[in-house]
Structures are given as C-alpha cells and as structure tokens.
Amino acid sequence: MKNQKYIDLSHTIQDGIIPYKGLPAPIICDYLSREESRKHYEEGTEFQIEK
C-alpha cells in the first residue's frame, strides 16, 4: 500500500451548471422551506429540505 496515489474526481455541483456534456443541469431548490414547515408542524418546529 505504499506509494498509493489518490486522485480526487469530485466536482462542485451548482444550480444550472452542466456537470457533464450531454447531461441536464441540476436544479437545486427548496423542497420544503422553513416558512412552509411551520404551517404543518407544532409551534416552534421549523426546518428546510432541499432537493
């Protein structure tokens, strides 16, 4: 295991940026906002879920 070389192939995913030619650009947005979560859960409970 000596002299192993690791290559980082990760990249940043951003809204509207095409990650690879031929693939659609991702859409990053709220699935459930903090404001909307307050309407559905007990008082004092709020959270955000993104998709």
C-alpha atoms as a PDB file:
ATOM      1  CA  MET A   1       0.000   0.000   0.000  1.00  0.00           C
ATOM      2  CA  LYS A   2       2.988   2.295  -0.017  1.00  0.00           C
ATOM      3  CA  ASN A   3       3.220   4.897  -2.736  1.00  0.00           C
ATOM      4  CA  GLN A   4      -0.509   4.835  -3.477  1.00  0.00           C
ATOM      5  CA  LYS A   5      -1.745   7.879  -5.299  1.00  0.00           C
ATOM      6  CA  TYR A   6      -5.285   9.167  -4.801  1.00  0.00           C
ATOM      7  CA  ILE A   7      -6.908  11.339  -7.438  1.00  0.00           C
ATOM      8  CA  ASP A   8      -9.909  13.439  -6.393  1.00  0.00           C
ATOM      9  CA  LEU A   9     -12.509  13.246  -9.186  1.00  0.00           C
ATOM     10  CA  SER A  10     -15.193  15.154  -7.341  1.00  0.00           C
ATOM     11  CA  HIS A  11     -16.510  18.475  -8.542  1.00  0.00           C
ATOM     12  CA  THR A  12     -18.844  21.142  -7.231  1.00  0.00           C
ATOM     13  CA  ILE A  13     -22.476  20.796  -8.243  1.00  0.00           C
ATOM     14  CA  GLN A  14     -24.277  24.097  -8.649  1.00  0.00           C
ATOM     15  CA  ASP A  15     -27.737  25.078  -9.795  1.00  0.00           C
ATOM     16  CA  GLY A  16     -27.851  25.305 -13.587  1.00  0.00           C
ATOM     17  CA  ILE A  17     -24.241  24.259 -14.191  1.00  0.00           C
ATOM     18  CA  ILE A  18     -23.952  21.302 -16.609  1.00  0.00           C
ATOM     19  CA  PRO A  19     -21.801  18.674 -14.840  1.00  0.00           C
ATOM     20  CA  TYR A  20     -21.005  16.620 -17.955  1.00  0.00           C
ATOM     21  CA  LYS A  21     -21.683  17.297 -21.617  1.00  0.00           C
ATOM     22  CA  GLY A  22     -24.959  15.657 -22.622  1.00  0.00           C
ATOM     23  CA  LEU A  23     -26.425  15.572 -19.097  1.00  0.00           C
ATOM     24  CA  PRO A  24     -29.047  18.048 -17.914  1.00  0.00           C
ATOM     25  CA  ALA A  25     -28.055  20.767 -15.485  1.00  0.00           C
ATOM     26  CA  PRO A  26     -29.214  20.137 -11.916  1.00  0.00           C
ATOM     27  CA  ILE A  27     -31.962  22.247 -10.375  1.00  0.00           C
ATOM     28  CA  ILE A  28     -31.214  22.916  -6.732  1.00  0.00           C
ATOM     29  CA  CYS A  29     -34.111  24.400  -4.807  1.00  0.00           C
ATOM     30  CA  ASP A  30     -36.219  24.131  -1.661  1.00  0.00           C
ATOM     31  CA  TYR A  31     -38.445  21.103  -1.350  1.00  0.00           C
ATOM     32  CA  LEU A  32     -39.887  22.411   1.905  1.00  0.00           C
ATOM     33  CA  SER A  33     -38.919  25.859   3.191  1.00  0.00           C
ATOM     34  CA  ARG A  34     -38.721  26.850   6.857  1.00  0.00           C
ATOM     35  CA  GLU A  35     -41.774  29.056   6.392  1.00  0.00           C
ATOM     36  CA  GLU A  36     -43.806  26.226   4.837  1.00  0.00           C
ATOM     37  CA  SER A  37     -42.715  23.711   7.516  1.00  0.00           C
ATOM     38  CA  ARG A  38     -44.113  25.979  10.244  1.00  0.00           C
ATOM     39  CA  LYS A  39     -47.580  25.578   8.711  1.00  0.00           C
ATOM     40  CA  HIS A  40     -47.529  21.771   9.051  1.00  0.00           C
ATOM     41  CA  TYR A  41     -45.747  21.063  12.350  1.00  0.00           C
ATOM     42  CA  GLU A  42     -46.060  22.004  16.006  1.00  0.00           C
ATOM     43  CA  GLU A  43     -45.246  25.515  17.144  1.00  0.00           C
ATOM     44  CA  GLY A  44     -41.510  26.055  17.431  1.00  0.00           C
ATOM     45  CA  THR A  45     -40.717  23.378  14.843  1.00  0.00           C
ATOM     46  CA  GLU A  46     -39.150  24.516  11.615  1.00  0.00           C
ATOM     47  CA  PHE A  47     -36.695  23.051   9.130  1.00  0.00           C
ATOM     48  CA  GLN A  48     -35.686  23.169   5.494  1.00  0.00           C
ATOM     49  CA  ILE A  49     -35.392  20.312   2.996  1.00  0.00           C
ATOM     50  CA  GLU A  50     -33.698  20.906  -0.335  1.00  0.00           C
ATOM     51  CA  LYS A  51     -33.784  18.869  -3.487  1.00  0.00           C
END
